[in-house]
Amino acid sequence: MSERLVGAGMALAADVEAAGFEERLLEIWDSLVADSGLRWRLTERASELCDGHGAERLADAVLRL
């Protein structure tokens, strides 16, 4: 799942099972802290792909059961 989010430009990810996980996680953290443009691009892309109404749709579906 994380690969799809990364591929869509919505997230950065580190594979917890991969060698060098800790270093990659720190790289990601440092990038996010240092690069407001990156944070903005991730936010913009996520906003384009997610409408923010998923919880509401889920609640409606559960109530219809």
N, C-alpha and C. Protein backbone atom coordinates (compact mmCIF):
# COMPACT_ATOMS: atom_id res chain seq x y z
N MET A 1 0.82 -1.19 0.00
CA MET A 1 0.00 0.00 0.00
C MET A 1 0.86 1.26 0.00
N SER A 2 1.91 1.28 0.79
CA SER A 2 2.73 2.48 0.84
C SER A 2 3.38 2.77 -0.51
N GLU A 3 3.68 1.71 -1.27
CA GLU A 3 4.28 1.93 -2.59
C GLU A 3 3.34 2.73 -3.49
N ARG A 4 2.05 2.46 -3.39
CA ARG A 4 1.07 3.20 -4.20
C ARG A 4 1.00 4.66 -3.77
N LEU A 5 1.05 4.91 -2.48
CA LEU A 5 1.03 6.29 -2.00
C LEU A 5 2.28 7.05 -2.44
N VAL A 6 3.43 6.39 -2.34
CA VAL A 6 4.68 6.99 -2.78
C VAL A 6 4.62 7.23 -4.29
N GLY A 7 4.16 6.23 -5.03
CA GLY A 7 4.07 6.35 -6.48
C GLY A 7 3.13 7.46 -6.92
N ALA A 8 2.11 7.72 -6.12
CA ALA A 8 1.15 8.79 -6.42
C ALA A 8 1.65 10.15 -5.97
N GLY A 9 2.81 10.18 -5.31
CA GLY A 9 3.37 11.45 -4.85
C GLY A 9 2.71 11.99 -3.59
N MET A 10 2.07 11.09 -2.83
CA MET A 10 1.36 11.50 -1.63
C MET A 10 2.14 11.28 -0.34
N ALA A 11 3.22 10.51 -0.41
CA ALA A 11 3.90 10.12 0.81
C ALA A 11 5.36 9.76 0.52
N LEU A 12 6.12 9.69 1.58
CA LEU A 12 7.47 9.14 1.56
C LEU A 12 7.41 7.90 2.46
N ALA A 13 8.21 6.90 2.17
CA ALA A 13 8.12 5.67 2.96
C ALA A 13 9.48 5.03 3.15
N ALA A 14 9.58 4.27 4.22
CA ALA A 14 10.76 3.47 4.52
C ALA A 14 10.29 2.08 4.87
N ASP A 15 10.90 1.08 4.28
CA ASP A 15 10.53 -0.31 4.53
C ASP A 15 11.18 -0.76 5.84
N VAL A 16 10.35 -1.04 6.81
CA VAL A 16 10.84 -1.41 8.14
C VAL A 16 11.67 -2.69 8.11
N GLU A 17 11.46 -3.52 7.11
CA GLU A 17 12.20 -4.79 7.01
C GLU A 17 13.50 -4.65 6.21
N ALA A 18 13.71 -3.54 5.56
CA ALA A 18 14.88 -3.36 4.70
C ALA A 18 16.11 -2.99 5.52
N ALA A 19 17.27 -3.41 5.01
CA ALA A 19 18.52 -2.98 5.62
C ALA A 19 18.60 -1.46 5.49
N GLY A 20 19.08 -0.82 6.52
CA GLY A 20 19.21 0.63 6.48
C GLY A 20 17.92 1.38 6.77
N PHE A 21 16.93 0.69 7.35
CA PHE A 21 15.65 1.33 7.64
C PHE A 21 15.81 2.59 8.49
N GLU A 22 16.61 2.49 9.55
CA GLU A 22 16.76 3.63 10.45
C GLU A 22 17.33 4.84 9.72
N GLU A 23 18.33 4.60 8.88
CA GLU A 23 18.94 5.69 8.13
C GLU A 23 17.93 6.31 7.16
N ARG A 24 17.16 5.45 6.48
CA ARG A 24 16.15 5.96 5.54
C ARG A 24 15.08 6.76 6.27
N LEU A 25 14.67 6.29 7.42
CA LEU A 25 13.66 7.00 8.20
C LEU A 25 14.18 8.38 8.60
N LEU A 26 15.43 8.46 9.00
CA LEU A 26 16.03 9.75 9.36
C LEU A 26 16.14 10.66 8.14
N GLU A 27 16.47 10.09 6.98
CA GLU A 27 16.52 10.88 5.74
C GLU A 27 15.15 11.49 5.44
N ILE A 28 14.13 10.67 5.57
CA ILE A 28 12.77 11.16 5.31
C ILE A 28 12.42 12.27 6.29
N TRP A 29 12.69 12.03 7.56
CA TRP A 29 12.39 13.03 8.59
C TRP A 29 13.12 14.34 8.30
N ASP A 30 14.40 14.24 8.03
CA ASP A 30 15.19 15.43 7.74
C ASP A 30 14.66 16.17 6.52
N SER A 31 14.26 15.43 5.49
CA SER A 31 13.70 16.04 4.29
C SER A 31 12.42 16.80 4.61
N LEU A 32 11.56 16.18 5.40
CA LEU A 32 10.30 16.83 5.74
C LEU A 32 10.49 18.06 6.61
N VAL A 33 11.43 17.98 7.53
CA VAL A 33 11.71 19.13 8.40
C VAL A 33 12.32 20.28 7.61
N ALA A 34 13.22 19.96 6.71
CA ALA A 34 13.99 20.99 6.02
C ALA A 34 13.30 21.58 4.78
N ASP A 35 12.39 20.83 4.17
CA ASP A 35 11.88 21.23 2.87
C ASP A 35 10.38 21.51 2.91
N SER A 36 10.03 22.75 3.12
CA SER A 36 8.61 23.11 3.17
C SER A 36 7.95 22.89 1.81
N GLY A 37 8.71 23.04 0.73
CA GLY A 37 8.17 22.78 -0.60
C GLY A 37 7.75 21.32 -0.77
N LEU A 38 8.56 20.42 -0.24
CA LEU A 38 8.23 19.00 -0.28
C LEU A 38 6.96 18.74 0.51
N ARG A 39 6.88 19.30 1.71
CA ARG A 39 5.66 19.12 2.51
C ARG A 39 4.45 19.64 1.77
N TRP A 40 4.59 20.79 1.12
CA TRP A 40 3.48 21.37 0.38
C TRP A 40 3.08 20.48 -0.81
N ARG A 41 4.07 19.95 -1.54
CA ARG A 41 3.77 19.09 -2.68
C ARG A 41 3.05 17.81 -2.24
N LEU A 42 3.50 17.22 -1.15
CA LEU A 42 2.84 16.03 -0.63
C LEU A 42 1.40 16.34 -0.22
N THR A 43 1.21 17.48 0.42
CA THR A 43 -0.12 17.91 0.85
C THR A 43 -1.03 18.15 -0.35
N GLU A 44 -0.51 18.87 -1.34
CA GLU A 44 -1.30 19.17 -2.53
C GLU A 44 -1.71 17.90 -3.25
N ARG A 45 -0.77 16.98 -3.42
CA ARG A 45 -1.07 15.74 -4.13
C ARG A 45 -2.10 14.92 -3.37
N ALA A 46 -1.95 14.83 -2.07
CA ALA A 46 -2.93 14.08 -1.26
C ALA A 46 -4.31 14.72 -1.37
N SER A 47 -4.35 16.04 -1.38
CA SER A 47 -5.63 16.75 -1.50
C SER A 47 -6.29 16.50 -2.85
N GLU A 48 -5.49 16.32 -3.88
CA GLU A 48 -6.04 16.04 -5.21
C GLU A 48 -6.66 14.65 -5.28
N LEU A 49 -6.11 13.71 -4.50
CA LEU A 49 -6.54 12.32 -4.60
C LEU A 49 -7.51 11.88 -3.52
N CYS A 50 -7.58 12.62 -2.42
CA CYS A 50 -8.46 12.27 -1.30
C CYS A 50 -9.41 13.43 -1.03
N ASP A 51 -10.69 13.13 -0.92
CA ASP A 51 -11.65 14.21 -0.71
C ASP A 51 -11.94 14.50 0.75
N GLY A 52 -11.42 13.67 1.66
CA GLY A 52 -11.62 13.92 3.08
C GLY A 52 -12.96 13.45 3.62
N HIS A 53 -13.73 12.75 2.81
CA HIS A 53 -15.05 12.29 3.25
C HIS A 53 -15.13 10.78 3.43
N GLY A 54 -13.99 10.13 3.48
CA GLY A 54 -13.97 8.67 3.61
C GLY A 54 -14.60 8.17 4.90
N ALA A 55 -14.33 8.83 6.01
CA ALA A 55 -14.91 8.40 7.29
C ALA A 55 -16.43 8.55 7.26
N GLU A 56 -16.91 9.61 6.65
CA GLU A 56 -18.35 9.84 6.53
C GLU A 56 -18.98 8.74 5.67
N ARG A 57 -18.35 8.41 4.55
CA ARG A 57 -18.88 7.36 3.69
C ARG A 57 -18.89 6.01 4.41
N LEU A 58 -17.84 5.74 5.17
CA LEU A 58 -17.78 4.49 5.92
C LEU A 58 -18.89 4.45 6.96
N ALA A 59 -19.08 5.54 7.69
CA ALA A 59 -20.15 5.58 8.71
C ALA A 59 -21.52 5.38 8.05
N ASP A 60 -21.76 6.00 6.93
CA ASP A 60 -23.03 5.82 6.21
C ASP A 60 -23.22 4.36 5.82
N ALA A 61 -22.16 3.74 5.32
CA ALA A 61 -22.25 2.33 4.89
C ALA A 61 -22.55 1.43 6.10
N VAL A 62 -21.92 1.69 7.24
CA VAL A 62 -22.15 0.89 8.44
C VAL A 62 -23.58 1.07 8.92
N LEU A 63 -24.07 2.29 8.89
CA LEU A 63 -25.44 2.56 9.35
C LEU A 63 -26.48 1.91 8.45
N ARG A 64 -26.15 1.72 7.19
CA ARG A 64 -27.08 1.06 6.27
C ARG A 64 -27.14 -0.45 6.46
N LEU A 65 -26.20 -1.03 7.21
CA LEU A 65 -26.19 -2.49 7.42
C LEU A 65 -27.38 -2.96 8.23
